[in-house]
């Protein structure tokens, strides 16, 4: 087993792919207050420090209450650009080579922000990140599951003119009480329009929600999915088909899915042969970006270099990149592993 320092160095140098990150959840308090000032928006927290003290979440809903309030400051194309670009800059510093990021149009369009404003702002940040950092990215539109299926369908119709900029649709927000089956018709329409599909399931919701996401929404990936272990048949299904799970360790602890990182089941998911990946979810709120998630999980669960490499490889394989891009990233990953072996790390 590597020493803690060498393991952290190895993680830092791993070429990473992130598949589960809500761009609104990357809005750091400092930038939130800056955008609020330039837009004349008011926050119910008086300072960055007061806002950070409010990040003592007891469950998903307690987080969402603050998350949606923070998103209210976003109004202009520049706002969305600045938020996404700040994430890309941090991701680049952590050697993220490709990111597939969620965005929640309904959070903004329901308060009068045009769909075009947010999509153009995000797209400009994507272009800047690729030009300046070589970091590629794709957008995934998420429907808010606490709203109606009819509202989701309206959002999908708004997205159709931007089909070339959005790789997939997903499902997020409050899981309890809102099963994937609620959105079956919307996802049917999305697939018919050429979108890939993913869905949050099995975080707070039961394994049945994962089955529904697979069987009714025909998803390519399960976002979170940590409760799959409660259903052996589901585990076998996920393993046999190598359906990716986009796991977010720090988020799961922050939202009390697991009490402590040492209790997280990421290592078990790997032992069961599942295609688990490591991601940051809402990094501004949950204590770290993707690198911090790797480090926290590695330390608490005693993940060695082989396991960490598998997690990084899983993320490459699970991405929506084309075959040549995946092959290039796999080659970079293997070169990183060889370099550390040569150095005796």
Protein backbone atom coordinates (compact mmCIF):
# COMPACT_ATOMS: atom_id res chain seq x y z
CA UNK A 1 0.00 0.00 0.00
CA UNK A 2 1.33 3.45 -0.90
CA UNK A 3 1.98 6.06 1.75
CA UNK A 4 -0.72 8.75 2.10
CA UNK A 5 1.51 11.35 0.41
CA UNK A 6 2.38 9.18 -2.56
CA UNK A 7 -1.25 8.13 -2.95
CA UNK A 8 -2.38 11.75 -3.03
CA UNK A 9 0.30 12.50 -5.63
CA UNK A 10 -0.89 9.57 -7.72
CA UNK A 11 -4.49 10.80 -7.55
CA UNK A 12 -3.42 14.32 -8.52
CA UNK A 13 -1.72 13.04 -11.65
CA UNK A 14 -4.46 10.63 -12.74
CA UNK A 15 -6.17 11.86 -15.93
CA UNK A 16 -9.77 12.16 -14.78
CA UNK A 17 -13.22 12.18 -16.32
CA UNK A 18 -16.15 13.60 -14.34
CA UNK A 19 -19.68 12.38 -15.12
CA UNK A 20 -21.83 13.68 -12.27
CA UNK A 21 -21.50 17.39 -11.52
CA UNK A 22 -24.33 19.92 -11.34
CA UNK A 23 -22.99 23.19 -12.68
CA UNK A 24 -25.29 25.20 -10.41
CA UNK A 25 -23.78 23.20 -7.54
CA UNK A 26 -20.32 24.49 -8.41
CA UNK A 27 -21.31 28.08 -7.61
CA UNK A 28 -18.91 28.96 -4.82
CA UNK A 29 -20.17 31.47 -2.22
CA UNK A 30 -17.65 34.13 -3.25
CA UNK A 31 -18.82 34.05 -6.88
CA UNK A 32 -22.46 33.83 -5.77
CA UNK A 33 -22.10 37.08 -3.83
CA UNK A 34 -20.17 38.72 -6.68
CA UNK A 35 -22.90 37.86 -9.21
CA UNK A 36 -25.60 38.91 -6.75
CA UNK A 37 -23.97 42.34 -6.36
CA UNK A 38 -23.68 43.00 -10.08
CA UNK A 39 -27.30 41.93 -10.64
CA UNK A 40 -28.72 43.73 -7.61
CA UNK A 41 -29.97 40.40 -6.24
CA UNK A 42 -30.52 39.88 -2.53
CA UNK A 43 -29.47 36.82 -0.55
CA UNK A 44 -30.85 35.98 2.87
CA UNK A 45 -27.30 35.36 4.09
CA UNK A 46 -25.25 38.41 5.00
CA UNK A 47 -21.80 37.09 4.17
CA UNK A 48 -19.83 34.24 2.63
CA UNK A 49 -19.06 32.95 6.12
CA UNK A 50 -22.71 32.94 7.15
CA UNK A 51 -23.66 31.09 3.99
CA UNK A 52 -20.98 28.45 4.50
CA UNK A 53 -22.19 27.90 8.07
CA UNK A 54 -25.59 26.99 6.61
CA UNK A 55 -24.07 23.99 4.81
CA UNK A 56 -25.02 21.64 7.67
CA UNK A 57 -27.40 19.46 5.70
CA UNK A 58 -29.49 16.69 7.21
CA UNK A 59 -30.81 15.25 3.95
CA UNK A 60 -31.20 16.00 0.25
CA UNK A 61 -34.06 18.45 0.70
CA UNK A 62 -32.21 20.58 3.25
CA UNK A 63 -29.45 20.99 0.67
CA UNK A 64 -31.84 21.72 -2.20
CA UNK A 65 -33.43 24.58 -0.28
CA UNK A 66 -30.09 26.45 -0.24
CA UNK A 67 -29.08 25.23 -3.70
CA UNK A 68 -32.14 26.73 -5.38
CA UNK A 69 -31.79 29.99 -3.49
CA UNK A 70 -28.20 30.35 -4.64
CA UNK A 71 -29.19 29.72 -8.25
CA UNK A 72 -31.56 32.70 -8.12
CA UNK A 73 -28.66 35.13 -8.61
CA UNK A 74 -27.99 33.75 -12.12
CA UNK A 75 -29.66 35.98 -14.68
CA UNK A 76 -27.42 36.81 -17.63
CA UNK A 77 -25.36 34.94 -20.19
CA UNK A 78 -22.24 36.25 -18.45
CA UNK A 79 -23.42 34.79 -15.13
CA UNK A 80 -23.75 31.29 -16.56
CA UNK A 81 -20.44 31.62 -18.36
CA UNK A 82 -18.61 32.73 -15.22
CA UNK A 83 -20.08 29.94 -13.10
CA UNK A 84 -19.20 27.20 -15.59
CA UNK A 85 -15.78 28.64 -16.39
CA UNK A 86 -14.88 28.72 -12.69
CA UNK A 87 -15.70 25.00 -12.49
CA UNK A 88 -13.67 24.22 -15.62
CA UNK A 89 -10.67 26.12 -14.26
CA UNK A 90 -10.72 24.14 -11.01
CA UNK A 91 -11.31 20.88 -12.88
CA UNK A 92 -8.31 21.60 -15.10
CA UNK A 93 -6.16 22.22 -12.03
CA UNK A 94 -7.19 18.73 -10.86
CA UNK A 95 -6.28 17.12 -14.20
CA UNK A 96 -9.86 16.57 -15.33
CA UNK A 97 -9.65 15.99 -19.07
CA UNK A 98 -13.36 15.66 -19.84
CA UNK A 99 -16.53 16.57 -17.94
CA UNK A 100 -20.19 15.82 -18.59
CA UNK A 101 -22.07 18.41 -16.60
CA UNK A 102 -25.71 18.65 -15.55
CA UNK A 103 -27.71 21.85 -15.79
CA UNK A 104 -31.26 22.54 -14.56
CA UNK A 105 -33.09 24.79 -17.03
CA UNK A 106 -36.35 24.86 -15.04
CA UNK A 107 -34.56 26.46 -12.08
CA UNK A 108 -33.98 29.45 -14.34
CA UNK A 109 -36.73 29.50 -16.98
CA UNK A 110 -39.42 29.30 -14.30
CA UNK A 111 -38.25 32.72 -13.05
CA UNK A 112 -38.12 34.28 -16.50
CA UNK A 113 -34.57 33.57 -17.69
CA UNK A 114 -34.73 32.57 -21.37
CA UNK A 115 -33.47 29.08 -22.21
CA UNK A 116 -31.14 30.66 -24.79
CA UNK A 117 -29.46 32.78 -22.10
CA UNK A 118 -28.29 29.86 -20.02
CA UNK A 119 -27.36 27.58 -22.93
CA UNK A 120 -25.32 30.31 -24.66
CA UNK A 121 -23.55 31.20 -21.42
CA UNK A 122 -22.64 27.57 -20.70
CA UNK A 123 -21.57 26.96 -24.30
CA UNK A 124 -19.23 29.95 -24.30
CA UNK A 125 -17.57 28.63 -21.12
CA UNK A 126 -17.20 25.22 -22.77
CA UNK A 127 -15.47 26.77 -25.75
CA UNK A 128 -13.14 28.79 -23.53
CA UNK A 129 -12.25 25.74 -21.42
CA UNK A 130 -11.42 23.63 -24.45
CA UNK A 131 -9.36 26.39 -26.05
CA UNK A 132 -7.47 27.41 -22.90
CA UNK A 133 -7.20 24.11 -21.01
CA UNK A 134 -7.80 21.39 -23.59
CA UNK A 135 -10.69 20.25 -21.37
CA UNK A 136 -13.61 18.85 -23.35
CA UNK A 137 -17.15 18.73 -22.04
CA UNK A 138 -20.74 17.80 -22.80
CA UNK A 139 -24.01 19.13 -21.39
CA UNK A 140 -26.77 17.01 -19.84
CA UNK A 141 -30.14 18.67 -19.34
CA UNK A 142 -31.82 17.54 -16.12
CA UNK A 143 -35.55 17.67 -15.42
CA UNK A 144 -36.58 18.58 -11.88
CA UNK A 145 -38.47 15.57 -10.63
CA UNK A 146 -40.42 17.48 -7.98
CA UNK A 147 -42.13 19.34 -10.84
CA UNK A 148 -44.67 17.78 -13.19
CA UNK A 149 -44.02 15.59 -16.20
CA UNK A 150 -45.86 18.19 -18.26
CA UNK A 151 -43.37 20.85 -17.16
CA UNK A 152 -40.51 18.53 -18.10
CA UNK A 153 -42.02 17.99 -21.54
CA UNK A 154 -42.25 21.75 -22.05
CA UNK A 155 -38.56 22.08 -21.13
CA UNK A 156 -37.68 19.32 -23.57
CA UNK A 157 -39.47 21.19 -26.35
CA UNK A 158 -37.47 24.32 -25.47
CA UNK A 159 -34.26 22.27 -25.74
CA UNK A 160 -34.92 20.81 -29.18
CA UNK A 161 -33.45 23.77 -31.11
CA UNK A 162 -30.20 23.17 -29.18
CA UNK A 163 -30.07 19.43 -29.80
CA UNK A 164 -26.51 19.67 -31.14
CA UNK A 165 -25.29 21.16 -27.84
CA UNK A 166 -26.91 18.72 -25.40
CA UNK A 167 -25.81 15.07 -25.34
CA UNK A 168 -28.40 13.66 -22.93
CA UNK A 169 -31.29 14.35 -20.60
CA UNK A 170 -31.36 13.35 -16.95
CA UNK A 171 -33.49 13.46 -13.83
CA UNK A 172 -32.52 15.14 -10.56
CA UNK A 173 -33.86 16.99 -7.49
CA UNK A 174 -35.96 15.36 -4.74
CA UNK A 175 -35.95 11.59 -5.25
CA UNK A 176 -38.32 10.50 -2.48
CA UNK A 177 -41.90 10.52 -3.72
CA UNK A 178 -40.95 11.07 -7.35
CA UNK A 179 -40.20 7.73 -9.05
CA UNK A 180 -38.64 7.60 -12.53
CA UNK A 181 -41.88 6.14 -13.89
CA UNK A 182 -43.42 9.61 -13.51
CA UNK A 183 -41.30 10.73 -16.47
CA UNK A 184 -41.55 7.76 -18.80
CA UNK A 185 -43.34 9.62 -21.60
CA UNK A 186 -40.88 12.52 -21.43
CA UNK A 187 -37.90 10.20 -21.73
CA UNK A 188 -39.56 8.34 -24.62
CA UNK A 189 -39.89 11.67 -26.41
CA UNK A 190 -36.29 12.61 -25.60
CA UNK A 191 -34.89 9.35 -26.98
CA UNK A 192 -37.00 9.75 -30.12
CA UNK A 193 -35.38 13.18 -30.57
CA UNK A 194 -31.93 11.61 -30.35
CA UNK A 195 -30.93 12.32 -26.75
CA UNK A 196 -29.17 9.78 -24.57
CA UNK A 197 -30.66 9.32 -21.10
CA UNK A 198 -29.39 9.12 -17.51
CA UNK A 199 -31.18 9.45 -14.16
CA UNK A 200 -30.53 9.95 -10.47
CA UNK A 201 -31.75 6.84 -8.68
CA UNK A 202 -30.91 4.83 -5.59
CA UNK A 203 -29.45 7.66 -3.51
CA UNK A 204 -32.32 8.24 -1.09
CA UNK A 205 -34.80 6.30 -3.19
CA UNK A 206 -35.05 2.47 -3.11
CA UNK A 207 -33.53 -0.05 -5.54
CA UNK A 208 -36.90 -0.14 -7.31
CA UNK A 209 -36.18 3.37 -8.59
CA UNK A 210 -33.00 2.04 -10.24
CA UNK A 211 -35.01 -0.71 -11.92
CA UNK A 212 -37.50 1.87 -13.18
CA UNK A 213 -34.74 4.10 -14.53
CA UNK A 214 -33.29 1.14 -16.42
CA UNK A 215 -36.50 -0.48 -17.63
CA UNK A 216 -38.74 2.54 -18.22
CA UNK A 217 -36.32 5.36 -18.99
CA UNK A 218 -33.72 3.18 -20.79
CA UNK A 219 -30.85 5.06 -19.16
CA UNK A 220 -27.21 4.59 -20.11
CA UNK A 221 -25.98 5.41 -16.60
CA UNK A 222 -27.35 5.50 -13.06
CA UNK A 223 -26.43 8.63 -11.13
CA UNK A 224 -25.58 7.62 -7.53
CA UNK A 225 -27.08 4.11 -7.38
CA UNK A 226 -25.44 3.25 -4.05
CA UNK A 227 -28.56 1.50 -2.73
CA UNK A 228 -28.36 -1.12 -5.48
CA UNK A 229 -26.58 -3.44 -3.02
CA UNK A 230 -29.90 -4.01 -1.25
CA UNK A 231 -31.10 -6.05 -4.25
CA UNK A 232 -28.84 -8.94 -5.34
CA UNK A 233 -30.70 -9.38 -8.64
CA UNK A 234 -30.16 -5.71 -9.41
CA UNK A 235 -26.46 -6.00 -8.61
CA UNK A 236 -26.17 -8.93 -11.02
CA UNK A 237 -28.03 -6.98 -13.70
CA UNK A 238 -25.76 -3.95 -13.29
CA UNK A 239 -22.63 -6.11 -13.26
CA UNK A 240 -23.56 -8.26 -16.24
CA UNK A 241 -24.36 -5.21 -18.38
CA UNK A 242 -21.63 -3.01 -16.87
CA UNK A 243 -24.10 -0.18 -16.38
CA UNK A 244 -22.11 2.71 -14.88
CA UNK A 245 -22.83 4.18 -11.47
CA UNK A 246 -21.75 7.80 -11.04
CA UNK A 247 -20.98 7.75 -7.33
CA UNK A 248 -20.37 10.94 -5.30
CA UNK A 249 -18.69 10.00 -2.00
CA UNK A 250 -18.46 13.39 -0.26
CA UNK A 251 -22.02 14.21 -1.26
CA UNK A 252 -23.29 10.92 0.13
CA UNK A 253 -21.72 11.66 3.49
CA UNK A 254 -22.71 15.34 3.54
CA UNK A 255 -26.35 14.38 2.84
CA UNK A 256 -26.31 11.58 5.44
CA UNK A 257 -26.72 8.69 2.99
CA UNK A 258 -23.73 7.32 4.93
CA UNK A 259 -22.81 8.64 8.36
CA UNK A 260 -19.07 8.51 7.75
CA UNK A 261 -16.85 7.98 4.72
CA UNK A 262 -15.56 4.78 6.32
CA UNK A 263 -19.09 3.38 5.94
CA UNK A 264 -19.38 4.21 2.25
CA UNK A 265 -19.90 1.22 -0.05
CA UNK A 266 -17.70 2.39 -2.96
CA UNK A 267 -15.09 -0.31 -2.29
CA UNK A 268 -17.83 -2.93 -2.10
CA UNK A 269 -19.28 -1.78 -5.41
CA UNK A 270 -15.88 -2.40 -7.01
CA UNK A 271 -15.54 -5.77 -5.30
CA UNK A 272 -18.94 -6.73 -6.74
CA UNK A 273 -17.61 -6.01 -10.22
CA UNK A 274 -19.76 -2.92 -10.81
CA UNK A 275 -18.69 -0.03 -13.05
CA UNK A 276 -18.45 2.56 -10.28
CA UNK A 277 -16.96 6.00 -10.87
CA UNK A 278 -16.01 8.93 -8.61
CA UNK A 279 -17.57 12.37 -9.03
CA UNK A 280 -18.22 15.57 -7.07
CA UNK A 281 -21.99 16.18 -7.47
CA UNK A 282 -22.26 19.74 -6.06
CA UNK A 283 -18.67 20.58 -5.12
CA UNK A 284 -19.27 24.08 -3.78
CA UNK A 285 -21.64 22.65 -1.17
CA UNK A 286 -20.18 19.25 -0.32
CA UNK A 287 -16.58 19.98 0.54
CA UNK A 288 -14.62 19.16 -2.58
CA UNK A 289 -14.21 18.68 -6.29
CA UNK A 290 -13.43 15.38 -7.94
CA UNK A 291 -9.87 15.14 -6.61
CA UNK A 292 -11.01 15.66 -3.03
CA UNK A 293 -13.57 12.91 -3.55
CA UNK A 294 -10.87 10.51 -4.75
CA UNK A 295 -8.60 11.38 -1.82
CA UNK A 296 -11.33 11.13 0.84
CA UNK A 297 -12.53 7.77 -0.47
CA UNK A 298 -9.00 6.39 -0.88
CA UNK A 299 -8.03 7.26 2.67
CA UNK A 300 -11.22 6.10 4.38
CA UNK A 301 -11.69 2.93 2.34
CA UNK A 302 -8.01 2.05 1.86
CA UNK A 303 -8.22 2.08 -1.93
CA UNK A 304 -4.90 1.21 -3.51
CA UNK A 305 -3.52 2.39 -6.85
CA UNK A 306 -5.12 -0.51 -8.69
CA UNK A 307 -8.57 0.42 -7.38
CA UNK A 308 -8.04 4.10 -8.09
CA UNK A 309 -6.91 3.29 -11.61
CA UNK A 310 -10.01 1.15 -12.10
CA UNK A 311 -12.23 4.01 -10.99
CA UNK A 312 -10.54 6.37 -13.44
CA UNK A 313 -10.78 3.79 -16.24
CA UNK A 314 -14.45 3.17 -15.47
CA UNK A 315 -15.17 6.87 -15.89
CA UNK A 316 -13.49 6.96 -19.29
CA UNK A 317 -15.43 3.88 -20.40
CA UNK A 318 -18.71 5.27 -19.06
CA UNK A 319 -18.40 8.65 -20.77
CA UNK A 320 -20.27 9.70 -23.89
CA UNK A 321 -17.00 10.38 -25.73
CA UNK A 322 -16.36 8.74 -29.08
CA UNK A 323 -14.05 5.73 -29.38
CA UNK A 324 -10.87 7.61 -30.45
CA UNK A 325 -11.21 10.08 -27.57
CA UNK A 326 -11.68 7.24 -25.10
CA UNK A 327 -8.65 5.42 -26.49
CA UNK A 328 -6.52 8.55 -26.10
CA UNK A 329 -7.59 8.97 -22.49
CA UNK A 330 -6.97 5.29 -21.71
CA UNK A 331 -3.47 5.64 -23.18
CA UNK A 332 -2.83 8.67 -20.97
CA UNK A 333 -4.08 6.75 -17.94
CA UNK A 334 -1.82 3.77 -18.63
CA UNK A 335 1.13 6.14 -19.17
CA UNK A 336 0.43 7.71 -15.76
CA UNK A 337 0.36 4.29 -14.09
CA UNK A 338 3.60 3.24 -15.78
CA UNK A 339 5.32 6.46 -14.78
CA UNK A 340 4.47 5.89 -11.13
CA UNK A 341 5.60 2.28 -11.30
CA UNK A 342 8.92 3.42 -12.76
CA UNK A 343 9.32 5.97 -9.99
CA UNK A 344 8.63 3.27 -7.42
CA UNK A 345 5.60 5.09 -6.08
